[in-house]
Amino acid sequence: MKFKLFLVLLLINYQVSLAQNNRLETTNKIGWYSYTGTFKVSEKVGIHTEYQWRRNNLITSWQQGLLRLGLNYTVNARVLFRLGYAVAETYPYGEYPLNGLGRSFTEHRIYEMVQLAHKEGLVDFSHRFMLEQRFIGRYSSANEYTEDEFPFSSRARYMIRLQVPLRGKEIKDKTPYVAAYDEVLIGFGKNVNANVFDQNRIGILIGYRFNKNVRIEAGYLNQTLQLGRLVNGKNVFQNNNGIIINTNFNIDMKGKAADKRN
């Protein structure tokens, strides 16, 4: 019995060592700075706008630029649906660029999202489920200098976020708060290559709600990302760490629209 247990432990150790030997790991210092604006045009409908300025070496060079637009439909205070479009420009950065030729590339996305919210004691929870249909720019050969192919792939995302007021029992005007989130991204479909696991993101933030229209938060971000290609027959994982700053604006357009009709 002890001999069998020894063999099992030896096999597990061998598999772990093999997995570690079959991967390359690299790190980058990143800084993500984002604007999010929601424009409410009726009780149920709103327009989502977002831009993320993602930098490498904290701020000095590009990692990615992401523009995301969407149409919101609010079922109630706990349920929100969104349908939208995003475009991302990813740049060559780090020791192993995402593109095999070391070039930037453009990605177009269509996405569907549902967000669920609930409160447990002092803690506000939100759960975001997202599906993305991705058209990722690719160069068919080194002789091409603009992307001439856009193969299709899909990705599923789930993010859980919680936030707690640092003063009082709820997050309202002039309230500081602390927030944390974790998001996992999984690729699927025939054009997914080496990275079914796409990436994972963890953030820890300190925020401040000035009023119902303006909120800002900043903190620490960790991004674990797997390249969609092998390098020398090995999987490549980026372990990126840095800072994140989010600015959020909520603009109520309902009153302005009514004024124009009157």
C-alpha atoms as a PDB file:
ATOM      1  CA  MET A   1       0.000   0.000   0.000  1.00  0.00           C
ATOM      2  CA  LYS A   2       2.793   2.406   0.935  1.00  0.00           C
ATOM      3  CA  PHE A   3       4.633   1.512  -2.267  1.00  0.00           C
ATOM      4  CA  LYS A   4       1.524   2.305  -4.359  1.00  0.00           C
ATOM      5  CA  LEU A   5       1.107   5.635  -2.575  1.00  0.00           C
ATOM      6  CA  PHE A   6       4.753   6.401  -3.256  1.00  0.00           C
ATOM      7  CA  LEU A   7       4.242   5.675  -6.970  1.00  0.00           C
ATOM      8  CA  VAL A   8       1.184   7.936  -7.101  1.00  0.00           C
ATOM      9  CA  LEU A   9       3.051  10.807  -5.429  1.00  0.00           C
ATOM     10  CA  LEU A  10       6.005  10.245  -7.746  1.00  0.00           C
ATOM     11  CA  LEU A  11       3.696  10.378 -10.784  1.00  0.00           C
ATOM     12  CA  ILE A  12       2.033  13.598  -9.573  1.00  0.00           C
ATOM     13  CA  ASN A  13       5.425  15.200  -8.972  1.00  0.00           C
ATOM     14  CA  TYR A  14       6.571  14.134 -12.448  1.00  0.00           C
ATOM     15  CA  GLN A  15       3.450  15.617 -14.093  1.00  0.00           C
ATOM     16  CA  VAL A  16       3.849  18.917 -12.218  1.00  0.00           C
ATOM     17  CA  SER A  17       7.534  19.080 -13.188  1.00  0.00           C
ATOM     18  CA  LEU A  18       6.663  18.268 -16.804  1.00  0.00           C
ATOM     19  CA  ALA A  19       4.024  21.009 -16.896  1.00  0.00           C
ATOM     20  CA  GLN A  20       6.480  23.520 -15.459  1.00  0.00           C
ATOM     21  CA  ASN A  21       9.175  22.476 -17.930  1.00  0.00           C
ATOM     22  CA  ASN A  22       6.705  22.900 -20.779  1.00  0.00           C
ATOM     23  CA  ARG A  23       6.010  26.581 -20.093  1.00  0.00           C
ATOM     24  CA  LEU A  24       7.774  29.895 -20.343  1.00  0.00           C
ATOM     25  CA  GLU A  25       6.938  32.651 -17.886  1.00  0.00           C
ATOM     26  CA  THR A  26       7.523  36.367 -18.209  1.00  0.00           C
ATOM     27  CA  THR A  27       6.460  39.476 -16.309  1.00  0.00           C
ATOM     28  CA  ASN A  28       5.526  43.035 -17.223  1.00  0.00           C
ATOM     29  CA  LYS A  29       4.720  46.157 -15.219  1.00  0.00           C
ATOM     30  CA  ILE A  30       1.407  47.453 -16.503  1.00  0.00           C
ATOM     31  CA  GLY A  31      -0.871  50.418 -15.947  1.00  0.00           C
ATOM     32  CA  TRP A  32      -4.551  50.366 -16.957  1.00  0.00           C
ATOM     33  CA  TYR A  33      -6.429  53.681 -17.054  1.00  0.00           C
ATOM     34  CA  SER A  34     -10.083  53.703 -18.024  1.00  0.00           C
ATOM     35  CA  TYR A  35     -13.057  55.959 -18.650  1.00  0.00           C
ATOM     36  CA  THR A  36     -16.595  54.590 -18.423  1.00  0.00           C
ATOM     37  CA  GLY A  37     -19.659  56.704 -19.188  1.00  0.00           C
ATOM     38  CA  THR A  38     -23.286  55.604 -19.041  1.00  0.00           C
ATOM     39  CA  PHE A  39     -25.949  57.849 -20.579  1.00  0.00           C
ATOM     40  CA  LYS A  40     -29.451  56.956 -19.443  1.00  0.00           C
ATOM     41  CA  VAL A  41     -32.038  57.856 -22.096  1.00  0.00           C
ATOM     42  CA  SER A  42     -35.083  56.252 -20.423  1.00  0.00           C
ATOM     43  CA  GLU A  43     -35.965  54.315 -17.290  1.00  0.00           C
ATOM     44  CA  LYS A  44     -34.874  51.069 -18.951  1.00  0.00           C
ATOM     45  CA  VAL A  45     -32.445  52.037 -21.725  1.00  0.00           C
ATOM     46  CA  GLY A  46     -28.965  53.513 -21.564  1.00  0.00           C
ATOM     47  CA  ILE A  47     -25.869  53.925 -23.760  1.00  0.00           C
ATOM     48  CA  HIS A  48     -22.567  52.501 -22.520  1.00  0.00           C
ATOM     49  CA  THR A  49     -19.270  54.124 -23.563  1.00  0.00           C
ATOM     50  CA  GLU A  50     -15.820  53.000 -22.448  1.00  0.00           C
ATOM     51  CA  TYR A  51     -12.191  53.500 -23.327  1.00  0.00           C
ATOM     52  CA  GLN A  52      -9.254  51.682 -21.705  1.00  0.00           C
ATOM     53  CA  TRP A  53      -5.740  53.049 -22.083  1.00  0.00           C
ATOM     54  CA  ARG A  54      -3.579  50.033 -21.246  1.00  0.00           C
ATOM     55  CA  ARG A  55       0.123  50.682 -20.906  1.00  0.00           C
ATOM     56  CA  ASN A  56       3.294  48.665 -20.398  1.00  0.00           C
ATOM     57  CA  ASN A  57       6.105  49.830 -18.079  1.00  0.00           C
ATOM     58  CA  LEU A  58       3.270  51.445 -16.098  1.00  0.00           C
ATOM     59  CA  ILE A  59       2.811  54.311 -18.559  1.00  0.00           C
ATOM     60  CA  THR A  60       5.709  54.704 -21.024  1.00  0.00           C
ATOM     61  CA  SER A  61       4.645  52.315 -23.833  1.00  0.00           C
ATOM     62  CA  TRP A  62       1.509  50.770 -25.267  1.00  0.00           C
ATOM     63  CA  GLN A  63       0.033  47.445 -24.274  1.00  0.00           C
ATOM     64  CA  GLN A  64      -3.459  47.821 -25.700  1.00  0.00           C
ATOM     65  CA  GLY A  65      -6.120  50.399 -26.504  1.00  0.00           C
ATOM     66  CA  LEU A  66      -9.749  49.269 -26.130  1.00  0.00           C
ATOM     67  CA  LEU A  67     -12.930  51.096 -27.155  1.00  0.00           C
ATOM     68  CA  ARG A  68     -16.217  49.502 -26.095  1.00  0.00           C
ATOM     69  CA  LEU A  69     -19.760  50.679 -26.887  1.00  0.00           C
ATOM     70  CA  GLY A  70     -23.033  49.122 -25.870  1.00  0.00           C
ATOM     71  CA  LEU A  71     -26.777  49.411 -25.429  1.00  0.00           C
ATOM     72  CA  ASN A  72     -28.034  48.744 -21.888  1.00  0.00           C
ATOM     73  CA  TYR A  73     -31.417  47.390 -20.865  1.00  0.00           C
ATOM     74  CA  THR A  74     -32.153  47.522 -17.133  1.00  0.00           C
ATOM     75  CA  VAL A  75     -34.705  44.934 -16.046  1.00  0.00           C
ATOM     76  CA  ASN A  76     -34.590  46.080 -12.411  1.00  0.00           C
ATOM     77  CA  ALA A  77     -32.017  47.148  -9.820  1.00  0.00           C
ATOM     78  CA  ARG A  78     -30.502  43.662  -9.837  1.00  0.00           C
ATOM     79  CA  VAL A  79     -30.436  42.714 -13.543  1.00  0.00           C
ATOM     80  CA  LEU A  80     -28.781  44.521 -16.461  1.00  0.00           C
ATOM     81  CA  PHE A  81     -28.389  43.343 -20.076  1.00  0.00           C
ATOM     82  CA  ARG A  82     -25.980  44.820 -22.607  1.00  0.00           C
ATOM     83  CA  LEU A  83     -25.354  44.252 -26.317  1.00  0.00           C
ATOM     84  CA  GLY A  84     -22.393  45.932 -27.901  1.00  0.00           C
ATOM     85  CA  TYR A  85     -19.321  46.268 -30.080  1.00  0.00           C
ATOM     86  CA  ALA A  86     -15.653  46.700 -29.177  1.00  0.00           C
ATOM     87  CA  VAL A  87     -12.450  47.350 -31.080  1.00  0.00           C
ATOM     88  CA  ALA A  88      -9.003  46.735 -29.601  1.00  0.00           C
ATOM     89  CA  GLU A  89      -5.534  47.555 -30.868  1.00  0.00           C
ATOM     90  CA  THR A  90      -2.885  45.323 -29.289  1.00  0.00           C
ATOM     91  CA  TYR A  91       0.757  46.324 -29.525  1.00  0.00           C
ATOM     92  CA  PRO A  92       3.988  44.298 -29.359  1.00  0.00           C
ATOM     93  CA  TYR A  93       5.243  44.490 -25.793  1.00  0.00           C
ATOM     94  CA  GLY A  94       7.255  42.389 -23.393  1.00  0.00           C
ATOM     95  CA  GLU A  95       9.657  39.539 -24.035  1.00  0.00           C
ATOM     96  CA  TYR A  96       7.158  37.495 -26.083  1.00  0.00           C
ATOM     97  CA  PRO A  97       4.719  39.631 -28.129  1.00  0.00           C
ATOM     98  CA  LEU A  98       1.226  38.235 -28.608  1.00  0.00           C
ATOM     99  CA  ASN A  99       1.652  38.377 -32.374  1.00  0.00           C
ATOM    100  CA  GLY A 100       4.254  35.921 -33.676  1.00  0.00           C
ATOM    101  CA  LEU A 101       5.716  38.511 -36.050  1.00  0.00           C
ATOM    102  CA  GLY A 102       6.105  41.051 -33.250  1.00  0.00           C
ATOM    103  CA  ARG A 103       3.534  43.414 -34.762  1.00  0.00           C
ATOM    104  CA  SER A 104       0.452  45.225 -33.557  1.00  0.00           C
ATOM    105  CA  PHE A 105      -2.945  43.887 -34.590  1.00  0.00           C
ATOM    106  CA  THR A 106      -6.592  44.957 -34.519  1.00  0.00           C
ATOM    107  CA  GLU A 107      -9.462  42.965 -33.061  1.00  0.00           C
ATOM    108  CA  HIS A 108     -13.192  43.544 -33.593  1.00  0.00           C
ATOM    109  CA  ARG A 109     -15.698  42.097 -31.134  1.00  0.00           C
ATOM    110  CA  ILE A 110     -19.439  41.721 -30.772  1.00  0.00           C
ATOM    111  CA  TYR A 111     -20.463  40.958 -27.221  1.00  0.00           C
ATOM    112  CA  GLU A 112     -23.467  40.092 -25.063  1.00  0.00           C
ATOM    113  CA  MET A 113     -23.497  40.657 -21.310  1.00  0.00           C
ATOM    114  CA  VAL A 114     -25.725  40.144 -18.304  1.00  0.00           C
ATOM    115  CA  GLN A 115     -24.887  41.607 -14.903  1.00  0.00           C
ATOM    116  CA  LEU A 116     -26.530  40.450 -11.686  1.00  0.00           C
ATOM    117  CA  ALA A 117     -26.290  42.379  -8.424  1.00  0.00           C
ATOM    118  CA  HIS A 118     -27.237  41.669  -4.814  1.00  0.00           C
ATOM    119  CA  LYS A 119     -26.370  42.890  -1.330  1.00  0.00           C
ATOM    120  CA  GLU A 120     -25.408  40.771   1.679  1.00  0.00           C
ATOM    121  CA  GLY A 121     -25.017  42.838   4.830  1.00  0.00           C
ATOM    122  CA  LEU A 122     -22.479  45.578   4.091  1.00  0.00           C
ATOM    123  CA  VAL A 123     -21.200  43.874   0.939  1.00  0.00           C
ATOM    124  CA  ASP A 124     -22.428  44.701  -2.573  1.00  0.00           C
ATOM    125  CA  PHE A 125     -21.909  41.797  -4.986  1.00  0.00           C
ATOM    126  CA  SER A 126     -22.033  41.856  -8.783  1.00  0.00           C
ATOM    127  CA  HIS A 127     -21.646  38.983 -11.236  1.00  0.00           C
ATOM    128  CA  ARG A 128     -20.861  39.747 -14.877  1.00  0.00           C
ATOM    129  CA  PHE A 129     -21.311  37.075 -17.539  1.00  0.00           C
ATOM    130  CA  MET A 130     -20.111  37.929 -21.035  1.00  0.00           C
ATOM    131  CA  LEU A 131     -19.861  36.209 -24.414  1.00  0.00           C
ATOM    132  CA  GLU A 132     -17.603  37.662 -27.108  1.00  0.00           C
ATOM    133  CA  GLN A 133     -17.492  36.923 -30.833  1.00  0.00           C
ATOM    134  CA  ARG A 134     -13.972  37.912 -31.832  1.00  0.00           C
ATOM    135  CA  PHE A 135     -12.439  38.725 -35.234  1.00  0.00           C
ATOM    136  CA  ILE A 136      -8.710  38.896 -34.530  1.00  0.00           C
ATOM    137  CA  GLY A 137      -6.402  40.453 -37.113  1.00  0.00           C
ATOM    138  CA  ARG A 138      -3.657  38.209 -38.456  1.00  0.00           C
ATOM    139  CA  TYR A 139      -0.870  38.484 -41.033  1.00  0.00           C
ATOM    140  CA  SER A 140      -0.860  35.596 -43.503  1.00  0.00           C
ATOM    141  CA  SER A 141       2.900  36.032 -44.055  1.00  0.00           C
ATOM    142  CA  ALA A 142       5.827  38.204 -43.035  1.00  0.00           C
ATOM    143  CA  ASN A 143       5.468  39.983 -46.375  1.00  0.00           C
ATOM    144  CA  GLU A 144       2.128  41.486 -45.330  1.00  0.00           C
ATOM    145  CA  TYR A 145       2.262  44.756 -43.413  1.00  0.00           C
ATOM    146  CA  THR A 146      -1.442  45.080 -42.650  1.00  0.00           C
ATOM    147  CA  GLU A 147      -3.698  42.341 -41.320  1.00  0.00           C
ATOM    148  CA  ASP A 148      -5.206  40.461 -44.246  1.00  0.00           C
ATOM    149  CA  GLU A 149      -7.041  37.767 -42.250  1.00  0.00           C
ATOM    150  CA  PHE A 150      -9.556  37.994 -39.386  1.00  0.00           C
ATOM    151  CA  PRO A 151     -10.232  34.462 -38.129  1.00  0.00           C
ATOM    152  CA  PHE A 152     -13.240  34.069 -35.850  1.00  0.00           C
ATOM    153  CA  SER A 153     -13.110  32.783 -32.289  1.00  0.00           C
ATOM    154  CA  SER A 154     -15.285  32.984 -29.200  1.00  0.00           C
ATOM    155  CA  ARG A 155     -14.607  33.747 -25.571  1.00  0.00           C
ATOM    156  CA  ALA A 156     -16.610  33.416 -22.357  1.00  0.00           C
ATOM    157  CA  ARG A 157     -15.957  35.662 -19.358  1.00  0.00           C
ATOM    158  CA  TYR A 158     -17.123  35.670 -15.763  1.00  0.00           C
ATOM    159  CA  MET A 159     -16.305  38.362 -13.204  1.00  0.00           C
ATOM    160  CA  ILE A 160     -17.277  38.525  -9.554  1.00  0.00           C
ATOM    161  CA  ARG A 161     -16.860  41.847  -7.787  1.00  0.00           C
ATOM    162  CA  LEU A 162     -17.570  42.878  -4.207  1.00  0.00           C
ATOM    163  CA  GLN A 163     -17.370  46.276  -2.577  1.00  0.00           C
ATOM    164  CA  VAL A 164     -17.764  47.489   1.007  1.00  0.00           C
ATOM    165  CA  PRO A 165     -18.218  51.048   2.312  1.00  0.00           C
ATOM    166  CA  LEU A 166     -15.451  52.363   4.535  1.00  0.00           C
ATOM    167  CA  ARG A 167     -17.903  54.664   6.264  1.00  0.00           C
ATOM    168  CA  GLY A 168     -21.518  53.922   7.094  1.00  0.00           C
ATOM    169  CA  LYS A 169     -23.593  50.965   5.950  1.00  0.00           C
ATOM    170  CA  GLU A 170     -23.959  51.720   2.241  1.00  0.00           C
ATOM    171  CA  ILE A 171     -22.100  53.379  -0.600  1.00  0.00           C
ATOM    172  CA  LYS A 172     -23.766  56.738  -1.187  1.00  0.00           C
ATOM    173  CA  ASP A 173     -22.631  60.301  -1.918  1.00  0.00           C
ATOM    174  CA  LYS A 174     -19.241  61.256  -0.429  1.00  0.00           C
ATOM    175  CA  THR A 175     -18.508  57.671   0.596  1.00  0.00           C
ATOM    176  CA  PRO A 176     -15.114  55.935   0.335  1.00  0.00           C
ATOM    177  CA  TYR A 177     -15.145  52.199  -0.288  1.00  0.00           C
ATOM    178  CA  VAL A 178     -12.924  49.212  -0.942  1.00  0.00           C
ATOM    179  CA  ALA A 179     -13.552  46.813  -3.841  1.00  0.00           C
ATOM    180  CA  ALA A 180     -12.078  43.547  -5.114  1.00  0.00           C
ATOM    181  CA  TYR A 181     -12.772  41.495  -8.206  1.00  0.00           C
ATOM    182  CA  ASP A 182     -11.653  38.410 -10.073  1.00  0.00           C
ATOM    183  CA  GLU A 183     -12.371  37.694 -13.744  1.00  0.00           C
ATOM    184  CA  VAL A 184     -11.598  34.557 -15.728  1.00  0.00           C
ATOM    185  CA  LEU A 185     -11.623  34.475 -19.560  1.00  0.00           C
ATOM    186  CA  ILE A 186     -11.941  31.184 -21.461  1.00  0.00           C
ATOM    187  CA  GLY A 187     -11.593  30.811 -25.229  1.00  0.00           C
ATOM    188  CA  PHE A 188     -13.540  28.258 -27.249  1.00  0.00           C
ATOM    189  CA  GLY A 189     -14.197  27.344 -30.882  1.00  0.00           C
ATOM    190  CA  LYS A 190     -12.179  25.774 -33.682  1.00  0.00           C
ATOM    191  CA  ASN A 191      -9.772  28.717 -34.021  1.00  0.00           C
ATOM    192  CA  VAL A 192      -8.688  28.689 -30.388  1.00  0.00           C
ATOM    193  CA  ASN A 193      -5.069  27.573 -30.418  1.00  0.00           C
ATOM    194  CA  ALA A 194      -2.883  27.032 -27.352  1.00  0.00           C
ATOM    195  CA  ASN A 195      -4.924  29.136 -24.956  1.00  0.00           C
ATOM    196  CA  VAL A 196      -8.307  27.693 -24.042  1.00  0.00           C
ATOM    197  CA  PHE A 197      -7.475  29.406 -20.768  1.00  0.00           C
ATOM    198  CA  ASP A 198      -7.074  32.945 -22.036  1.00  0.00           C
ATOM    199  CA  GLN A 199      -6.400  34.970 -18.905  1.00  0.00           C
ATOM    200  CA  ASN A 200      -7.336  35.819 -15.334  1.00  0.00           C
ATOM    201  CA  ARG A 201      -7.507  39.276 -13.768  1.00  0.00           C
ATOM    202  CA  ILE A 202      -7.515  40.219 -10.090  1.00  0.00           C
ATOM    203  CA  GLY A 203      -7.976  43.754  -8.797  1.00  0.00           C
ATOM    204  CA  ILE A 204      -8.008  45.354  -5.352  1.00  0.00           C
ATOM    205  CA  LEU A 205      -9.241  48.950  -5.321  1.00  0.00           C
ATOM    206  CA  ILE A 206      -9.933  51.951  -3.120  1.00  0.00           C
ATOM    207  CA  GLY A 207     -12.793  54.060  -4.442  1.00  0.00           C
ATOM    208  CA  TYR A 208     -14.708  57.230  -3.728  1.00  0.00           C
ATOM    209  CA  ARG A 209     -18.234  58.087  -4.816  1.00  0.00           C
ATOM    210  CA  PHE A 210     -18.528  61.857  -5.108  1.00  0.00           C
ATOM    211  CA  ASN A 211     -22.216  61.713  -6.008  1.00  0.00           C
ATOM    212  CA  LYS A 212     -24.601  59.594  -8.091  1.00  0.00           C
ATOM    213  CA  ASN A 213     -22.903  60.820 -11.271  1.00  0.00           C
ATOM    214  CA  VAL A 214     -19.158  60.520 -10.532  1.00  0.00           C
ATOM    215  CA  ARG A 215     -17.035  57.774  -9.023  1.00  0.00           C
ATOM    216  CA  ILE A 216     -13.271  57.126  -9.141  1.00  0.00           C
ATOM    217  CA  GLU A 217     -11.198  54.172  -7.943  1.00  0.00           C
ATOM    218  CA  ALA A 218      -7.557  53.089  -8.042  1.00  0.00           C
ATOM    219  CA  GLY A 219      -5.490  50.158  -6.883  1.00  0.00           C
ATOM    220  CA  TYR A 220      -3.541  47.018  -7.768  1.00  0.00           C
ATOM    221  CA  LEU A 221      -4.046  44.795 -10.814  1.00  0.00           C
ATOM    222  CA  ASN A 222      -2.708  41.325 -11.609  1.00  0.00           C
ATOM    223  CA  GLN A 223      -3.175  39.868 -15.096  1.00  0.00           C
ATOM    224  CA  THR A 224      -2.197  36.273 -15.844  1.00  0.00           C
ATOM    225  CA  LEU A 225      -2.327  35.775 -19.604  1.00  0.00           C
ATOM    226  CA  GLN A 226      -1.549  32.804 -21.818  1.00  0.00           C
ATOM    227  CA  LEU A 227      -0.375  33.436 -25.379  1.00  0.00           C
ATOM    228  CA  GLY A 228      -2.352  31.819 -28.167  1.00  0.00           C
ATOM    229  CA  ARG A 229       0.817  30.380 -29.679  1.00  0.00           C
ATOM    230  CA  LEU A 230       3.740  28.228 -28.611  1.00  0.00           C
ATOM    231  CA  VAL A 231       7.326  29.482 -28.417  1.00  0.00           C
ATOM    232  CA  ASN A 232       9.917  26.744 -28.958  1.00  0.00           C
ATOM    233  CA  GLY A 233       7.159  24.205 -28.328  1.00  0.00           C
ATOM    234  CA  LYS A 234       6.259  25.707 -24.953  1.00  0.00           C
ATOM    235  CA  ASN A 235       3.219  27.559 -23.608  1.00  0.00           C
ATOM    236  CA  VAL A 236       3.931  31.175 -22.694  1.00  0.00           C
ATOM    237  CA  PHE A 237       2.371  32.797 -19.626  1.00  0.00           C
ATOM    238  CA  GLN A 238       2.579  36.483 -18.789  1.00  0.00           C
ATOM    239  CA  ASN A 239       2.302  37.433 -15.128  1.00  0.00           C
ATOM    240  CA  ASN A 240       1.585  41.159 -15.374  1.00  0.00           C
ATOM    241  CA  ASN A 241       1.317  43.386 -12.303  1.00  0.00           C
ATOM    242  CA  GLY A 242       0.669  47.077 -11.924  1.00  0.00           C
ATOM    243  CA  ILE A 243      -1.833  49.801 -11.185  1.00  0.00           C
ATOM    244  CA  ILE A 244      -5.379  50.462 -12.326  1.00  0.00           C
ATOM    245  CA  ILE A 245      -7.341  53.719 -12.255  1.00  0.00           C
ATOM    246  CA  ASN A 246     -11.037  53.819 -13.196  1.00  0.00           C
ATOM    247  CA  THR A 247     -13.236  56.870 -13.691  1.00  0.00           C
ATOM    248  CA  ASN A 248     -16.992  56.311 -13.917  1.00  0.00           C
ATOM    249  CA  PHE A 249     -19.672  58.773 -14.983  1.00  0.00           C
ATOM    250  CA  ASN A 250     -23.451  58.264 -14.984  1.00  0.00           C
ATOM    251  CA  ILE A 251     -25.386  60.900 -16.899  1.00  0.00           C
ATOM    252  CA  ASP A 252     -29.189  61.035 -16.806  1.00  0.00           C
ATOM    253  CA  MET A 253     -30.418  62.219 -20.212  1.00  0.00           C
ATOM    254  CA  LYS A 254     -34.129  61.648 -19.563  1.00  0.00           C
ATOM    255  CA  GLY A 255     -34.786  65.160 -18.245  1.00  0.00           C
ATOM    256  CA  LYS A 256     -32.862  66.786 -21.117  1.00  0.00           C
ATOM    257  CA  ALA A 257     -34.829  64.798 -23.692  1.00  0.00           C
ATOM    258  CA  ALA A 258     -38.116  65.841 -22.049  1.00  0.00           C
ATOM    259  CA  ASP A 259     -37.048  69.506 -22.043  1.00  0.00           C
ATOM    260  CA  LYS A 260     -36.345  69.364 -25.776  1.00  0.00           C
ATOM    261  CA  ARG A 261     -39.789  67.866 -26.490  1.00  0.00           C
ATOM    262  CA  ASN A 262     -41.435  70.602 -24.473  1.00  0.00           C
END
